[in-house]
Amino acid sequence: MNNDVLLVLEQFKLVLFLVMVCAITSMIAFFSRFFNLEKPKIVVELSFWQVLLGFVIYFLTGTVLGFVFLPFFKFFNPQTFGDTLYLLSNICIVLLFLLFFYKLGPQKTHQILGDGAKSTSFIFGVISWFVAFPLSALIGLIIQIFVHMITDYNLHEQLAVLHLKNLMDFPLLFILTSLSFAIIIPFLEELIFRGFLLNYLKKFVNRHLAILFSAAIFALFHFSTKQSYDNIELIVSLFVLGWFLGFLYEKKRSIFAPFGLHVAFNAISIIRIISS
């Protein structure tokens, strides 16, 4: 039996396993009313320019810092310069958002963060991983199988995963970057895609469509030309995750619910890297 046949059999077994897990977790979620949106939608009056400024802060700060620090490249280890700059840009983004929220005022900041209990919302989000991950993994695996069948292309690990693996020779940088991936990035992305974008979209469509549109934009923002066909699986899987994140934000009326799920996804990926 050749390697391709063995690979297909292993993938088929994994699909069946994930289908079974999805059926169990989804049934438990359904009967526990997990999928019900009982609370009224969060209403936040955000202008287009406020939303745009949030995206500019998040996505362009690193680029600006890159130009500022490029002349100092020779003073850094070439292997770690980019990662050091990445950590510095995250700190700057957090500081800029603190300033941004100060300008927005306490009332609007409270509306964006939500009025749900922080700790219980966060824990609910973490527990939601048991519903969201099997479905996301199943859909991603099916896409992976189809891509391989059509193109004979073997999908690779995400760039972020490979990036972290390459840092394992630099323990301190690996720890700091892992903490950034596990905590800072999830919180910033939830602010941008749920706190700002989702709330802005609800001005034009109902919240169910707003959740779908924000999930699609969230997924597309992770597109990379370096990932080739890997983008297909990644974008579809992240769309599923994005739907859960938006749904949790509306269900618990708190940014800390999707933040908990996002942290769980990223943290478990990091644990898998460390244990591999």
Protein backbone atom coordinates (compact mmCIF):
# COMPACT_ATOMS: atom_id res chain seq x y z
CA MET A 1 0.00 0.00 0.00
CA ASN A 2 1.62 3.29 -1.12
CA ASN A 3 1.99 6.40 1.00
CA ASP A 4 -0.82 8.35 -0.72
CA VAL A 5 -3.38 5.63 0.02
CA LEU A 6 -2.22 5.42 3.65
CA LEU A 7 -2.50 9.21 3.96
CA VAL A 8 -6.06 9.18 2.56
CA LEU A 9 -7.06 6.41 4.99
CA GLU A 10 -5.60 8.30 7.95
CA GLN A 11 -7.39 11.49 6.89
CA PHE A 12 -10.66 9.58 6.39
CA LYS A 13 -10.38 8.12 9.91
CA LEU A 14 -9.71 11.60 11.31
CA VAL A 15 -12.74 12.99 9.45
CA LEU A 16 -14.98 10.30 10.95
CA PHE A 17 -13.58 10.98 14.41
CA LEU A 18 -14.15 14.74 14.07
CA VAL A 19 -17.69 14.17 12.73
CA MET A 20 -18.45 12.10 15.83
CA VAL A 21 -16.93 14.72 18.17
CA CYS A 22 -18.79 17.53 16.39
CA ALA A 23 -22.07 15.64 16.67
CA ILE A 24 -21.61 15.13 20.41
CA THR A 25 -20.42 18.65 21.27
CA SER A 26 -22.98 20.33 18.99
CA MET A 27 -25.84 18.30 20.50
CA ILE A 28 -24.73 19.20 24.02
CA ALA A 29 -24.45 22.86 22.96
CA PHE A 30 -27.88 22.79 21.29
CA PHE A 31 -29.72 21.29 24.26
CA SER A 32 -27.96 23.64 26.67
CA ARG A 33 -29.23 26.57 24.51
CA PHE A 34 -25.68 27.59 23.61
CA PHE A 35 -26.74 28.74 20.13
CA ASN A 36 -29.55 30.99 21.38
CA LEU A 37 -29.11 34.76 21.21
CA GLU A 38 -31.44 35.76 24.00
CA LYS A 39 -30.00 39.15 24.93
CA PRO A 40 -30.64 42.30 22.86
CA LYS A 41 -27.84 43.35 20.55
CA ILE A 42 -25.04 45.61 21.73
CA VAL A 43 -25.53 49.13 20.37
CA VAL A 44 -22.40 51.24 19.87
CA GLU A 45 -22.44 54.44 17.84
CA LEU A 46 -19.16 54.34 15.91
CA SER A 47 -18.34 56.44 12.88
CA PHE A 48 -16.57 55.10 9.79
CA TRP A 49 -13.48 57.17 10.67
CA GLN A 50 -13.29 55.76 14.19
CA VAL A 51 -13.40 52.21 12.83
CA LEU A 52 -10.84 53.07 10.15
CA LEU A 53 -8.53 54.60 12.76
CA GLY A 54 -8.73 51.39 14.81
CA PHE A 55 -7.65 49.34 11.77
CA VAL A 56 -4.88 51.82 10.94
CA ILE A 57 -3.49 51.61 14.48
CA TYR A 58 -3.50 47.82 14.43
CA PHE A 59 -2.22 47.14 10.93
CA LEU A 60 0.13 50.04 10.17
CA THR A 61 1.95 50.63 13.47
CA GLY A 62 4.39 47.77 12.79
CA THR A 63 5.12 49.08 9.28
CA VAL A 64 5.83 52.59 10.56
CA LEU A 65 8.11 51.24 13.31
CA GLY A 66 9.90 49.12 10.71
CA PHE A 67 10.88 52.25 8.78
CA VAL A 68 11.88 54.06 11.98
CA PHE A 69 14.14 51.25 13.26
CA LEU A 70 15.54 50.07 9.90
CA PRO A 71 18.69 52.24 10.27
CA PHE A 72 19.44 50.38 13.54
CA PHE A 73 19.22 46.93 11.92
CA LYS A 74 23.01 46.44 12.04
CA PHE A 75 22.97 46.67 15.85
CA PHE A 76 20.58 43.70 16.20
CA ASN A 77 20.86 39.98 15.61
CA PRO A 78 19.50 39.56 12.04
CA GLN A 79 17.65 36.41 13.13
CA THR A 80 15.73 38.16 15.90
CA PHE A 81 15.42 41.75 14.63
CA GLY A 82 11.99 41.18 13.08
CA ASP A 83 10.63 39.47 16.19
CA THR A 84 11.98 42.14 18.52
CA LEU A 85 10.36 44.79 16.32
CA TYR A 86 7.13 42.78 16.33
CA LEU A 87 7.01 42.75 20.14
CA LEU A 88 7.80 46.46 20.27
CA SER A 89 5.02 47.21 17.78
CA ASN A 90 2.53 45.27 19.93
CA ILE A 91 3.44 47.39 22.95
CA CYS A 92 3.01 50.55 20.86
CA ILE A 93 -0.37 49.34 19.53
CA VAL A 94 -1.61 48.72 23.08
CA LEU A 95 -0.50 52.22 24.15
CA LEU A 96 -2.13 53.80 21.09
CA PHE A 97 -5.40 51.99 21.79
CA LEU A 98 -5.33 53.19 25.41
CA LEU A 99 -5.00 56.73 24.07
CA PHE A 100 -7.74 56.05 21.50
CA PHE A 101 -10.14 54.80 24.19
CA TYR A 102 -9.31 57.80 26.35
CA LYS A 103 -10.38 60.02 23.44
CA LEU A 104 -13.55 57.95 22.86
CA GLY A 105 -14.55 58.43 26.48
CA PRO A 106 -15.61 56.00 29.21
CA GLN A 107 -19.20 55.52 27.98
CA LYS A 108 -18.27 54.42 24.46
CA THR A 109 -15.34 52.36 25.76
CA HIS A 110 -17.71 50.54 28.10
CA GLN A 111 -20.13 49.91 25.22
CA ILE A 112 -17.37 48.41 23.05
CA LEU A 113 -16.01 46.19 25.83
CA GLY A 114 -19.57 45.17 26.73
CA ASP A 115 -21.55 45.08 29.94
CA GLY A 116 -21.28 41.34 30.59
CA ALA A 117 -19.29 40.02 33.57
CA LYS A 118 -15.62 39.83 32.59
CA SER A 119 -14.52 36.65 34.39
CA THR A 120 -17.60 34.52 33.65
CA SER A 121 -17.66 35.70 30.01
CA PHE A 122 -13.98 34.82 29.59
CA ILE A 123 -14.47 31.34 31.09
CA PHE A 124 -17.55 30.79 28.90
CA GLY A 125 -15.42 31.69 25.86
CA VAL A 126 -12.68 29.23 26.85
CA ILE A 127 -15.23 26.42 27.34
CA SER A 128 -16.72 27.27 23.92
CA TRP A 129 -13.47 25.95 22.42
CA PHE A 130 -14.91 22.44 22.81
CA VAL A 131 -17.71 23.38 20.40
CA ALA A 132 -15.83 25.68 18.02
CA PHE A 133 -12.58 23.79 17.54
CA PRO A 134 -13.94 20.38 16.38
CA LEU A 135 -16.15 22.07 13.77
CA SER A 136 -13.37 24.37 12.58
CA ALA A 137 -10.91 21.46 12.43
CA LEU A 138 -13.39 19.23 10.56
CA ILE A 139 -14.16 21.83 7.89
CA GLY A 140 -10.45 22.65 7.55
CA LEU A 141 -9.56 18.97 7.12
CA ILE A 142 -12.25 18.45 4.45
CA ILE A 143 -10.94 21.49 2.55
CA GLN A 144 -7.40 20.13 2.91
CA ILE A 145 -8.44 16.77 1.41
CA PHE A 146 -10.23 18.40 -1.54
CA VAL A 147 -7.31 20.74 -2.26
CA HIS A 148 -4.93 17.77 -2.28
CA MET A 149 -7.25 15.74 -4.56
CA ILE A 150 -7.67 18.59 -7.06
CA THR A 151 -4.16 20.08 -7.09
CA ASP A 152 -1.96 17.32 -5.60
CA TYR A 153 -0.70 20.04 -3.25
CA ASN A 154 0.26 19.05 0.29
CA LEU A 155 -0.78 21.74 2.75
CA HIS A 156 1.81 23.10 5.14
CA GLU A 157 1.72 24.57 8.61
CA GLN A 158 0.57 28.16 9.08
CA LEU A 159 3.24 30.84 8.85
CA ALA A 160 2.60 31.85 12.47
CA VAL A 161 3.23 28.26 13.62
CA LEU A 162 6.44 27.98 11.60
CA HIS A 163 7.48 31.38 12.90
CA LEU A 164 7.13 30.27 16.53
CA LYS A 165 8.97 27.01 15.86
CA ASN A 166 11.91 28.96 14.45
CA LEU A 167 12.10 30.97 17.69
CA MET A 168 12.57 27.96 19.96
CA ASP A 169 16.36 28.46 19.79
CA PHE A 170 15.83 31.85 21.50
CA PRO A 171 13.97 30.97 24.74
CA LEU A 172 13.25 34.49 26.03
CA LEU A 173 12.05 35.73 22.65
CA PHE A 174 9.98 32.56 22.21
CA ILE A 175 8.28 33.08 25.61
CA LEU A 176 7.54 36.76 24.96
CA THR A 177 6.27 36.10 21.43
CA SER A 178 4.14 33.19 22.67
CA LEU A 179 2.57 35.41 25.33
CA SER A 180 1.92 38.01 22.65
CA PHE A 181 0.25 35.41 20.38
CA ALA A 182 -1.74 33.95 23.25
CA ILE A 183 -2.94 37.15 24.96
CA ILE A 184 -2.14 40.47 23.28
CA ILE A 185 -2.99 39.58 19.67
CA PRO A 186 -6.33 37.90 20.55
CA PHE A 187 -7.43 40.90 22.60
CA LEU A 188 -6.42 43.43 19.93
CA GLU A 189 -8.11 41.41 17.17
CA GLU A 190 -11.29 41.13 19.22
CA LEU A 191 -11.29 44.90 19.73
CA ILE A 192 -10.85 45.47 15.99
CA PHE A 193 -13.10 42.83 14.44
CA ARG A 194 -15.80 42.50 17.10
CA GLY A 195 -15.61 45.70 19.15
CA PHE A 196 -15.25 48.05 16.17
CA LEU A 197 -16.13 46.29 12.90
CA LEU A 198 -19.04 44.11 14.06
CA ASN A 199 -20.68 47.00 15.91
CA TYR A 200 -20.25 49.29 12.90
CA LEU A 201 -21.77 46.71 10.51
CA LYS A 202 -24.85 46.41 12.73
CA LYS A 203 -25.77 49.95 11.68
CA PHE A 204 -26.54 48.61 8.18
CA VAL A 205 -27.57 44.93 8.59
CA ASN A 206 -29.05 42.75 11.32
CA ARG A 207 -26.60 41.25 13.80
CA HIS A 208 -26.66 37.76 12.25
CA LEU A 209 -25.45 39.14 8.91
CA ALA A 210 -23.02 41.46 10.72
CA ILE A 211 -21.50 38.43 12.46
CA LEU A 212 -21.08 36.66 9.09
CA PHE A 213 -19.57 39.71 7.35
CA SER A 214 -17.17 40.44 10.20
CA ALA A 215 -16.13 36.76 10.26
CA ALA A 216 -15.40 36.87 6.51
CA ILE A 217 -13.33 40.05 6.83
CA PHE A 218 -11.51 38.60 9.87
CA ALA A 219 -10.61 35.50 7.84
CA LEU A 220 -9.53 37.43 4.72
CA PHE A 221 -7.21 39.66 6.76
CA HIS A 222 -5.14 36.52 7.48
CA PHE A 223 -4.53 35.90 3.76
CA SER A 224 -0.87 35.75 2.76
CA THR A 225 0.63 35.32 -0.72
CA LYS A 226 3.35 33.17 0.88
CA GLN A 227 0.79 30.53 1.88
CA SER A 228 -0.35 29.55 -1.64
CA TYR A 229 -3.17 26.94 -1.46
CA ASP A 230 -2.84 26.90 2.33
CA ASN A 231 -4.90 30.11 2.25
CA ILE A 232 -8.02 28.16 1.28
CA GLU A 233 -8.04 25.95 4.36
CA LEU A 234 -6.87 28.79 6.61
CA ILE A 235 -9.50 31.30 5.47
CA VAL A 236 -12.39 28.82 5.66
CA SER A 237 -11.31 27.60 9.12
CA LEU A 238 -10.88 31.18 10.37
CA PHE A 239 -14.28 32.12 8.96
CA VAL A 240 -15.83 29.41 11.16
CA LEU A 241 -13.81 30.65 14.14
CA GLY A 242 -14.77 34.26 13.31
CA TRP A 243 -18.46 33.33 13.34
CA PHE A 244 -18.12 31.81 16.81
CA LEU A 245 -16.19 34.87 18.04
CA GLY A 246 -18.85 37.28 16.77
CA PHE A 247 -21.64 35.08 18.10
CA LEU A 248 -20.06 34.96 21.57
CA TYR A 249 -19.67 38.74 21.61
CA GLU A 250 -23.38 39.16 20.97
CA LYS A 251 -24.46 36.30 23.21
CA LYS A 252 -22.54 37.38 26.31
CA ARG A 253 -22.54 41.13 25.52
CA SER A 254 -18.84 41.23 26.38
CA ILE A 255 -15.57 41.35 24.43
CA PHE A 256 -14.14 38.97 27.03
CA ALA A 257 -16.19 36.02 25.75
CA PRO A 258 -14.64 35.94 22.24
CA PHE A 259 -11.32 36.90 23.83
CA GLY A 260 -11.52 33.72 25.95
CA LEU A 261 -12.19 31.53 22.89
CA HIS A 262 -9.43 33.27 20.90
CA VAL A 263 -6.96 32.79 23.76
CA ALA A 264 -7.89 29.09 23.99
CA PHE A 265 -7.31 28.58 20.23
CA ASN A 266 -3.92 30.31 20.20
CA ALA A 267 -2.70 28.94 23.54
CA ILE A 268 -3.47 25.34 22.59
CA SER A 269 -1.64 25.82 19.27
CA ILE A 270 1.40 27.06 21.22
CA ILE A 271 1.22 24.10 23.60
CA ARG A 272 1.16 21.75 20.58
CA ILE A 273 4.28 23.46 19.21
CA ILE A 274 6.11 23.10 22.52
CA SER A 275 5.15 19.43 22.90
CA SER A 276 5.96 18.47 19.29
